[in-house]
N, C-alpha and C. Protein backbone atom coordinates (compact mmCIF):
# COMPACT_ATOMS: atom_id res chain seq x y z
N MET A 1 13.03 59.87 25.76
CA MET A 1 11.83 59.21 25.30
C MET A 1 12.16 58.14 24.27
N HIS A 2 13.16 58.42 23.42
CA HIS A 2 13.54 57.44 22.41
C HIS A 2 14.08 56.18 23.06
N GLY A 3 14.79 56.33 24.17
CA GLY A 3 15.32 55.17 24.89
C GLY A 3 14.19 54.30 25.44
N MET A 4 13.14 54.92 25.92
CA MET A 4 11.98 54.20 26.46
C MET A 4 11.26 53.45 25.34
N ALA A 5 11.11 54.08 24.18
CA ALA A 5 10.45 53.43 23.04
C ALA A 5 11.27 52.23 22.57
N ALA A 6 12.57 52.37 22.52
CA ALA A 6 13.43 51.25 22.10
C ALA A 6 13.33 50.11 23.09
N MET A 7 13.29 50.43 24.40
CA MET A 7 13.17 49.40 25.42
C MET A 7 11.82 48.68 25.28
N THR A 8 10.77 49.42 25.00
CA THR A 8 9.45 48.82 24.84
C THR A 8 9.43 47.90 23.62
N ARG A 9 10.06 48.35 22.50
CA ARG A 9 10.13 47.50 21.31
C ARG A 9 10.89 46.21 21.59
N ARG A 10 11.98 46.29 22.37
CA ARG A 10 12.74 45.09 22.72
C ARG A 10 11.90 44.15 23.57
N ARG A 11 11.15 44.72 24.51
CA ARG A 11 10.28 43.87 25.36
C ARG A 11 9.22 43.17 24.51
N ILE A 12 8.63 43.90 23.57
CA ILE A 12 7.61 43.31 22.69
C ILE A 12 8.25 42.22 21.83
N ALA A 13 9.42 42.50 21.28
CA ALA A 13 10.10 41.50 20.45
C ALA A 13 10.46 40.27 21.28
N THR A 14 10.94 40.48 22.52
CA THR A 14 11.28 39.36 23.40
C THR A 14 10.03 38.56 23.74
N ALA A 15 8.94 39.26 24.03
CA ALA A 15 7.68 38.57 24.35
C ALA A 15 7.19 37.77 23.15
N ALA A 16 7.29 38.36 21.95
CA ALA A 16 6.85 37.64 20.74
C ALA A 16 7.71 36.42 20.50
N LEU A 17 9.02 36.55 20.69
CA LEU A 17 9.92 35.41 20.53
C LEU A 17 9.59 34.33 21.54
N THR A 18 9.34 34.71 22.77
CA THR A 18 9.00 33.74 23.82
C THR A 18 7.71 33.01 23.46
N LEU A 19 6.69 33.76 23.01
CA LEU A 19 5.43 33.13 22.62
C LEU A 19 5.63 32.19 21.44
N GLY A 20 6.47 32.60 20.48
CA GLY A 20 6.75 31.74 19.33
C GLY A 20 7.41 30.45 19.74
N VAL A 21 8.36 30.52 20.66
CA VAL A 21 9.03 29.32 21.16
C VAL A 21 8.04 28.45 21.92
N MET A 22 7.19 29.08 22.74
CA MET A 22 6.20 28.30 23.48
C MET A 22 5.22 27.63 22.53
N ALA A 23 4.79 28.34 21.49
CA ALA A 23 3.86 27.74 20.53
C ALA A 23 4.52 26.58 19.82
N GLY A 24 5.76 26.75 19.43
CA GLY A 24 6.49 25.66 18.79
C GLY A 24 6.64 24.48 19.70
N ALA A 25 6.90 24.73 20.98
CA ALA A 25 7.04 23.64 21.95
C ALA A 25 5.71 22.93 22.12
N GLY A 26 4.60 23.69 22.10
CA GLY A 26 3.29 23.07 22.25
C GLY A 26 2.98 22.13 21.10
N GLN A 27 3.42 22.53 19.91
CA GLN A 27 3.18 21.67 18.76
C GLN A 27 4.03 20.40 18.85
N ALA A 28 5.23 20.53 19.44
CA ALA A 28 6.09 19.36 19.57
C ALA A 28 5.57 18.41 20.63
N LEU A 29 4.74 18.92 21.54
CA LEU A 29 4.20 18.09 22.61
C LEU A 29 2.87 17.49 22.20
N ALA A 30 2.83 16.91 21.04
CA ALA A 30 1.65 16.23 20.54
C ALA A 30 2.12 14.97 19.83
N ALA A 31 1.26 13.98 19.82
CA ALA A 31 1.63 12.70 19.22
C ALA A 31 0.56 12.27 18.23
N ASP A 32 0.92 11.33 17.40
CA ASP A 32 -0.06 10.69 16.52
C ASP A 32 -0.56 9.43 17.21
N VAL A 33 -1.84 9.17 17.11
CA VAL A 33 -2.45 7.95 17.63
C VAL A 33 -2.99 7.18 16.44
N THR A 34 -2.46 5.98 16.21
CA THR A 34 -2.90 5.14 15.10
C THR A 34 -3.70 3.98 15.65
N LEU A 35 -4.91 3.83 15.16
CA LEU A 35 -5.81 2.76 15.57
C LEU A 35 -5.99 1.79 14.41
N THR A 36 -5.70 0.52 14.65
CA THR A 36 -5.99 -0.53 13.68
C THR A 36 -7.24 -1.23 14.15
N LEU A 37 -8.26 -1.14 13.36
CA LEU A 37 -9.58 -1.66 13.68
C LEU A 37 -9.84 -2.89 12.83
N THR A 38 -9.99 -4.05 13.47
CA THR A 38 -10.23 -5.31 12.75
C THR A 38 -11.67 -5.76 12.93
N GLY A 39 -12.09 -6.65 12.05
CA GLY A 39 -13.42 -7.24 12.17
C GLY A 39 -14.55 -6.34 11.73
N VAL A 40 -14.27 -5.30 10.98
CA VAL A 40 -15.33 -4.41 10.49
C VAL A 40 -16.16 -5.18 9.47
N GLN A 41 -17.47 -5.08 9.60
CA GLN A 41 -18.37 -5.74 8.65
C GLN A 41 -18.99 -4.70 7.72
N ALA A 42 -19.22 -5.09 6.48
CA ALA A 42 -19.83 -4.21 5.48
C ALA A 42 -21.34 -4.26 5.64
N ARG A 43 -21.85 -3.42 6.52
CA ARG A 43 -23.28 -3.39 6.80
C ARG A 43 -23.92 -2.06 6.42
N GLY A 44 -23.17 -1.21 5.71
CA GLY A 44 -23.68 0.13 5.41
C GLY A 44 -23.46 1.04 6.60
N GLY A 45 -24.25 2.08 6.67
CA GLY A 45 -24.13 3.01 7.79
C GLY A 45 -22.78 3.72 7.79
N GLN A 46 -22.30 4.01 8.98
CA GLN A 46 -21.04 4.72 9.12
C GLN A 46 -20.33 4.29 10.40
N LEU A 47 -19.01 4.34 10.36
CA LEU A 47 -18.21 4.11 11.57
C LEU A 47 -17.92 5.46 12.18
N LEU A 48 -18.25 5.61 13.45
CA LEU A 48 -17.93 6.82 14.20
C LEU A 48 -16.82 6.44 15.18
N VAL A 49 -15.67 7.05 15.03
CA VAL A 49 -14.50 6.72 15.84
C VAL A 49 -14.10 7.96 16.61
N GLY A 50 -13.96 7.83 17.93
CA GLY A 50 -13.60 8.99 18.72
C GLY A 50 -12.61 8.69 19.82
N LEU A 51 -11.75 9.65 20.09
CA LEU A 51 -10.89 9.62 21.27
C LEU A 51 -11.55 10.56 22.28
N GLN A 52 -11.83 10.03 23.45
CA GLN A 52 -12.55 10.80 24.46
C GLN A 52 -11.71 10.96 25.72
N THR A 53 -11.81 12.14 26.31
CA THR A 53 -11.19 12.38 27.61
C THR A 53 -12.10 11.77 28.69
N ARG A 54 -11.63 11.76 29.91
CA ARG A 54 -12.44 11.24 31.02
C ARG A 54 -13.78 11.99 31.11
N ASP A 55 -13.76 13.31 30.94
CA ASP A 55 -14.98 14.10 31.03
C ASP A 55 -15.95 13.83 29.88
N GLN A 56 -15.46 13.39 28.75
CA GLN A 56 -16.30 13.12 27.58
C GLN A 56 -16.77 11.67 27.50
N PHE A 57 -16.20 10.81 28.31
CA PHE A 57 -16.41 9.37 28.22
C PHE A 57 -17.89 9.01 28.25
N LEU A 58 -18.30 8.18 27.28
CA LEU A 58 -19.67 7.69 27.10
C LEU A 58 -20.69 8.80 26.87
N ARG A 59 -20.21 9.92 26.32
CA ARG A 59 -21.10 11.01 25.95
C ARG A 59 -21.00 11.21 24.44
N HIS A 60 -21.80 12.07 23.91
CA HIS A 60 -21.81 12.30 22.46
C HIS A 60 -20.83 13.40 22.08
N GLN A 61 -19.60 13.28 22.57
CA GLN A 61 -18.56 14.23 22.20
C GLN A 61 -17.21 13.54 22.26
N SER A 62 -16.28 14.05 21.49
CA SER A 62 -14.93 13.48 21.44
C SER A 62 -13.93 14.60 21.27
N ALA A 63 -12.75 14.41 21.84
CA ALA A 63 -11.66 15.37 21.64
C ALA A 63 -11.16 15.29 20.20
N TYR A 64 -11.16 14.08 19.64
CA TYR A 64 -10.71 13.84 18.28
C TYR A 64 -11.67 12.82 17.67
N GLY A 65 -12.08 13.03 16.43
CA GLY A 65 -13.04 12.11 15.84
C GLY A 65 -12.83 11.90 14.36
N GLU A 66 -13.37 10.80 13.90
CA GLU A 66 -13.30 10.43 12.49
C GLU A 66 -14.59 9.71 12.12
N ARG A 67 -15.04 9.92 10.88
CA ARG A 67 -16.26 9.27 10.38
C ARG A 67 -15.89 8.55 9.09
N ILE A 68 -16.28 7.28 8.99
CA ILE A 68 -16.05 6.51 7.77
C ILE A 68 -17.42 6.11 7.23
N ALA A 69 -17.80 6.66 6.10
CA ALA A 69 -19.09 6.35 5.49
C ALA A 69 -19.01 5.01 4.79
N ALA A 70 -20.06 4.21 4.93
CA ALA A 70 -20.18 2.90 4.26
C ALA A 70 -18.88 2.11 4.32
N PRO A 71 -18.43 1.76 5.51
CA PRO A 71 -17.14 1.06 5.63
C PRO A 71 -17.17 -0.30 4.94
N THR A 72 -16.04 -0.66 4.36
CA THR A 72 -15.89 -1.97 3.75
C THR A 72 -15.51 -2.98 4.83
N ALA A 73 -15.71 -4.24 4.55
CA ALA A 73 -15.37 -5.30 5.51
C ALA A 73 -13.85 -5.42 5.62
N GLY A 74 -13.41 -5.79 6.82
CA GLY A 74 -11.98 -6.05 7.02
C GLY A 74 -11.34 -5.14 8.01
N VAL A 75 -10.13 -4.69 7.67
CA VAL A 75 -9.29 -3.89 8.57
C VAL A 75 -9.29 -2.43 8.12
N HIS A 76 -9.45 -1.54 9.07
CA HIS A 76 -9.35 -0.10 8.80
C HIS A 76 -8.31 0.47 9.75
N THR A 77 -7.43 1.31 9.22
CA THR A 77 -6.42 1.98 10.04
C THR A 77 -6.65 3.47 9.96
N LEU A 78 -6.75 4.10 11.13
CA LEU A 78 -6.98 5.54 11.20
C LEU A 78 -5.87 6.15 12.04
N THR A 79 -5.45 7.34 11.67
CA THR A 79 -4.46 8.05 12.47
C THR A 79 -5.00 9.41 12.85
N PHE A 80 -4.95 9.69 14.13
CA PHE A 80 -5.31 11.00 14.67
C PHE A 80 -3.99 11.74 14.87
N HIS A 81 -3.86 12.90 14.25
CA HIS A 81 -2.60 13.65 14.31
C HIS A 81 -2.64 14.71 15.40
N ASP A 82 -1.49 14.99 15.97
CA ASP A 82 -1.31 16.08 16.93
C ASP A 82 -2.25 15.95 18.14
N VAL A 83 -2.31 14.77 18.70
CA VAL A 83 -3.13 14.53 19.89
C VAL A 83 -2.35 15.02 21.11
N ALA A 84 -2.98 15.83 21.91
CA ALA A 84 -2.34 16.37 23.11
C ALA A 84 -2.08 15.26 24.12
N PRO A 85 -1.00 15.36 24.88
CA PRO A 85 -0.73 14.36 25.92
C PRO A 85 -1.89 14.26 26.91
N GLY A 86 -2.15 13.07 27.39
CA GLY A 86 -3.21 12.86 28.36
C GLY A 86 -3.79 11.47 28.25
N ASP A 87 -4.84 11.23 29.01
CA ASP A 87 -5.53 9.94 29.02
C ASP A 87 -6.79 10.03 28.17
N TYR A 88 -7.00 9.00 27.34
CA TYR A 88 -8.13 8.95 26.42
C TYR A 88 -8.71 7.55 26.38
N SER A 89 -9.97 7.46 25.98
CA SER A 89 -10.57 6.19 25.61
C SER A 89 -10.80 6.23 24.11
N VAL A 90 -10.98 5.05 23.52
CA VAL A 90 -11.34 4.95 22.11
C VAL A 90 -12.74 4.36 22.07
N SER A 91 -13.63 5.03 21.38
CA SER A 91 -14.99 4.50 21.20
C SER A 91 -15.28 4.41 19.71
N VAL A 92 -15.78 3.25 19.29
CA VAL A 92 -16.14 3.06 17.89
C VAL A 92 -17.57 2.54 17.84
N LEU A 93 -18.38 3.17 17.03
CA LEU A 93 -19.77 2.76 16.82
C LEU A 93 -19.98 2.55 15.34
N HIS A 94 -20.50 1.37 14.96
CA HIS A 94 -20.93 1.16 13.58
C HIS A 94 -22.40 1.56 13.57
N ASP A 95 -22.61 2.83 13.28
CA ASP A 95 -23.92 3.46 13.34
C ASP A 95 -24.72 3.13 12.08
N LEU A 96 -25.54 2.11 12.18
CA LEU A 96 -26.28 1.62 11.01
C LEU A 96 -27.41 2.54 10.60
N ASP A 97 -28.06 3.17 11.56
CA ASP A 97 -29.23 3.98 11.23
C ASP A 97 -28.92 5.47 11.14
N GLY A 98 -27.67 5.88 11.33
CA GLY A 98 -27.27 7.26 11.13
C GLY A 98 -27.71 8.24 12.18
N ASP A 99 -28.15 7.74 13.35
CA ASP A 99 -28.61 8.68 14.38
C ASP A 99 -27.50 9.11 15.35
N GLY A 100 -26.30 8.56 15.19
CA GLY A 100 -25.18 8.95 16.05
C GLY A 100 -25.23 8.38 17.45
N LYS A 101 -26.15 7.45 17.70
CA LYS A 101 -26.32 6.88 19.04
C LYS A 101 -26.28 5.36 18.97
N MET A 102 -25.82 4.74 20.04
CA MET A 102 -25.82 3.28 20.14
C MET A 102 -27.26 2.81 20.37
N ARG A 103 -27.76 2.02 19.45
CA ARG A 103 -29.08 1.42 19.61
C ARG A 103 -28.94 0.20 20.51
N MET A 104 -29.86 0.02 21.44
CA MET A 104 -29.81 -1.10 22.38
C MET A 104 -31.03 -1.99 22.16
N ALA A 105 -30.85 -3.29 22.45
CA ALA A 105 -31.95 -4.26 22.39
C ALA A 105 -31.76 -5.21 23.56
N ASP A 106 -32.75 -5.29 24.42
CA ASP A 106 -32.69 -6.17 25.59
C ASP A 106 -31.44 -5.90 26.44
N GLY A 107 -31.07 -4.63 26.55
CA GLY A 107 -29.92 -4.25 27.37
C GLY A 107 -28.56 -4.51 26.75
N HIS A 108 -28.52 -4.90 25.48
CA HIS A 108 -27.27 -5.19 24.79
C HIS A 108 -27.15 -4.32 23.54
N PRO A 109 -25.92 -4.01 23.11
CA PRO A 109 -25.75 -3.22 21.89
C PRO A 109 -26.39 -3.91 20.68
N ALA A 110 -27.14 -3.14 19.89
CA ALA A 110 -27.77 -3.66 18.68
C ALA A 110 -27.05 -3.21 17.42
N GLU A 111 -25.92 -2.54 17.59
CA GLU A 111 -25.08 -2.11 16.47
C GLU A 111 -23.64 -2.48 16.81
N GLY A 112 -22.79 -2.51 15.80
CA GLY A 112 -21.39 -2.84 16.01
C GLY A 112 -20.69 -1.78 16.85
N TRP A 113 -19.73 -2.22 17.63
CA TRP A 113 -19.02 -1.30 18.50
C TRP A 113 -17.67 -1.90 18.93
N THR A 114 -16.82 -1.07 19.48
CA THR A 114 -15.64 -1.55 20.19
C THR A 114 -15.03 -0.44 21.02
N MET A 115 -14.18 -0.85 21.93
CA MET A 115 -13.34 0.01 22.77
C MET A 115 -12.06 -0.77 23.02
N LEU A 116 -11.08 -0.15 23.61
CA LEU A 116 -9.91 -0.91 24.03
C LEU A 116 -10.34 -1.91 25.09
N ASN A 117 -9.78 -3.08 25.07
CA ASN A 117 -10.08 -4.14 26.05
C ASN A 117 -11.53 -4.59 26.00
N ALA A 118 -12.21 -4.41 24.90
CA ALA A 118 -13.64 -4.72 24.80
C ALA A 118 -13.94 -6.19 25.08
N ALA A 119 -13.06 -7.09 24.68
CA ALA A 119 -13.33 -8.52 24.86
C ALA A 119 -13.42 -8.91 26.33
N SER A 120 -12.82 -8.12 27.20
CA SER A 120 -12.85 -8.47 28.63
C SER A 120 -14.01 -7.82 29.37
N LEU A 121 -14.79 -6.98 28.70
CA LEU A 121 -15.90 -6.28 29.37
C LEU A 121 -17.10 -7.20 29.54
N ARG A 122 -17.72 -7.13 30.69
CA ARG A 122 -18.92 -7.92 30.96
C ARG A 122 -20.09 -7.05 31.41
N SER A 123 -19.83 -5.76 31.51
CA SER A 123 -20.87 -4.79 31.87
C SER A 123 -20.41 -3.43 31.34
N ALA A 124 -21.16 -2.40 31.63
CA ALA A 124 -20.79 -1.07 31.14
C ALA A 124 -19.36 -0.74 31.59
N PRO A 125 -18.53 -0.26 30.69
CA PRO A 125 -17.13 -0.02 31.02
C PRO A 125 -16.92 1.23 31.87
N THR A 126 -15.83 1.24 32.59
CA THR A 126 -15.37 2.45 33.25
C THR A 126 -14.25 3.03 32.38
N PHE A 127 -13.98 4.28 32.55
CA PHE A 127 -12.91 4.92 31.78
C PHE A 127 -11.58 4.22 32.02
N ASP A 128 -11.30 3.88 33.26
CA ASP A 128 -10.01 3.25 33.57
C ASP A 128 -9.85 1.89 32.89
N GLN A 129 -10.94 1.17 32.64
CA GLN A 129 -10.86 -0.14 31.98
C GLN A 129 -10.48 -0.03 30.51
N VAL A 130 -10.82 1.08 29.87
CA VAL A 130 -10.67 1.18 28.42
C VAL A 130 -9.80 2.35 27.98
N SER A 131 -9.05 2.93 28.89
CA SER A 131 -8.27 4.11 28.54
C SER A 131 -6.81 3.76 28.23
N PHE A 132 -6.14 4.72 27.64
CA PHE A 132 -4.71 4.63 27.33
C PHE A 132 -4.13 6.02 27.49
N THR A 133 -2.82 6.10 27.55
CA THR A 133 -2.15 7.39 27.76
C THR A 133 -1.38 7.79 26.52
N VAL A 134 -1.58 9.04 26.12
CA VAL A 134 -0.79 9.62 25.04
C VAL A 134 0.37 10.35 25.68
N SER A 135 1.56 9.99 25.26
CA SER A 135 2.79 10.59 25.76
C SER A 135 3.15 11.81 24.93
N ALA A 136 3.87 12.73 25.54
CA ALA A 136 4.35 13.90 24.81
C ALA A 136 5.54 13.56 23.93
N THR A 137 6.11 12.38 24.12
CA THR A 137 7.36 12.06 23.45
C THR A 137 7.29 10.93 22.43
N SER A 138 6.18 10.20 22.36
CA SER A 138 6.11 9.11 21.38
C SER A 138 4.68 8.89 20.91
N ASP A 139 4.57 8.38 19.69
CA ASP A 139 3.26 8.08 19.10
C ASP A 139 2.67 6.83 19.73
N ALA A 140 1.35 6.69 19.64
CA ALA A 140 0.66 5.52 20.19
C ALA A 140 0.08 4.68 19.06
N ARG A 141 0.18 3.36 19.22
CA ARG A 141 -0.42 2.41 18.26
C ARG A 141 -1.37 1.52 19.05
N LEU A 142 -2.61 1.47 18.58
CA LEU A 142 -3.66 0.73 19.28
C LEU A 142 -4.32 -0.25 18.33
N ASP A 143 -4.82 -1.35 18.88
CA ASP A 143 -5.57 -2.34 18.12
C ASP A 143 -6.89 -2.57 18.82
N ALA A 144 -7.94 -2.69 18.05
CA ALA A 144 -9.26 -3.00 18.59
C ALA A 144 -10.03 -3.83 17.58
N THR A 145 -10.87 -4.73 18.07
CA THR A 145 -11.68 -5.60 17.23
C THR A 145 -13.14 -5.23 17.38
N MET A 146 -13.83 -5.07 16.27
CA MET A 146 -15.25 -4.73 16.30
C MET A 146 -16.06 -5.91 16.85
N HIS A 147 -17.16 -5.58 17.51
CA HIS A 147 -18.09 -6.57 18.05
C HIS A 147 -19.48 -6.24 17.51
N TYR A 148 -20.13 -7.27 16.98
CA TYR A 148 -21.46 -7.09 16.39
C TYR A 148 -22.45 -7.99 17.11
N PRO A 149 -23.70 -7.56 17.22
CA PRO A 149 -24.72 -8.39 17.87
C PRO A 149 -24.86 -9.72 17.14
N GLY A 150 -24.87 -10.80 17.91
CA GLY A 150 -25.04 -12.13 17.35
C GLY A 150 -23.78 -12.67 16.70
N GLY A 151 -22.70 -11.88 16.72
CA GLY A 151 -21.44 -12.34 16.10
C GLY A 151 -20.60 -13.11 17.09
N ASP A 152 -19.63 -13.85 16.57
CA ASP A 152 -18.78 -14.67 17.43
C ASP A 152 -17.80 -13.84 18.26
N ALA A 153 -17.58 -12.55 17.89
CA ALA A 153 -16.64 -11.73 18.64
C ALA A 153 -17.34 -10.83 19.64
N SER A 154 -18.63 -11.04 19.86
CA SER A 154 -19.39 -10.15 20.71
C SER A 154 -19.24 -10.52 22.19
N PRO A 155 -18.65 -9.62 23.01
CA PRO A 155 -18.56 -9.90 24.44
C PRO A 155 -19.93 -9.80 25.09
N GLY A 156 -20.02 -10.34 26.26
CA GLY A 156 -21.31 -10.41 26.94
C GLY A 156 -21.72 -9.17 27.66
N LEU A 157 -21.88 -8.08 26.94
CA LEU A 157 -22.36 -6.84 27.59
C LEU A 157 -23.85 -6.90 27.72
């Protein structure tokens, strides 16, 4: 019986070691995503920044998110740590009224916004147009420019 108990303890210890190695490997398979956001205007409100999976795209949810209250004008750099490998979009809303939703006027955004490749968009984006891939082996650096209604950087959405 003592031999069986020792064998069971070894199996448990081996299983725990295996799980520990797998957990450590999972942590190593994550990257940092750094977003440099230019053209932010000091209009009050808040910047809502999210990394979204294909299933979350254009919905009110994000795999990773950040909120900047009363952003100052200029450049903001944000880093999302330990992002799992996969495909993501970046969505940024300058939410002026605090409702967490993009306000529209005459079919066009009435609040500041951006996504990757935003300047080339002429209609509602698809995930493939604005997505990027997070690798398990290297960090990602992204640049995006804010677009405001009536501003010179506003694409024709």
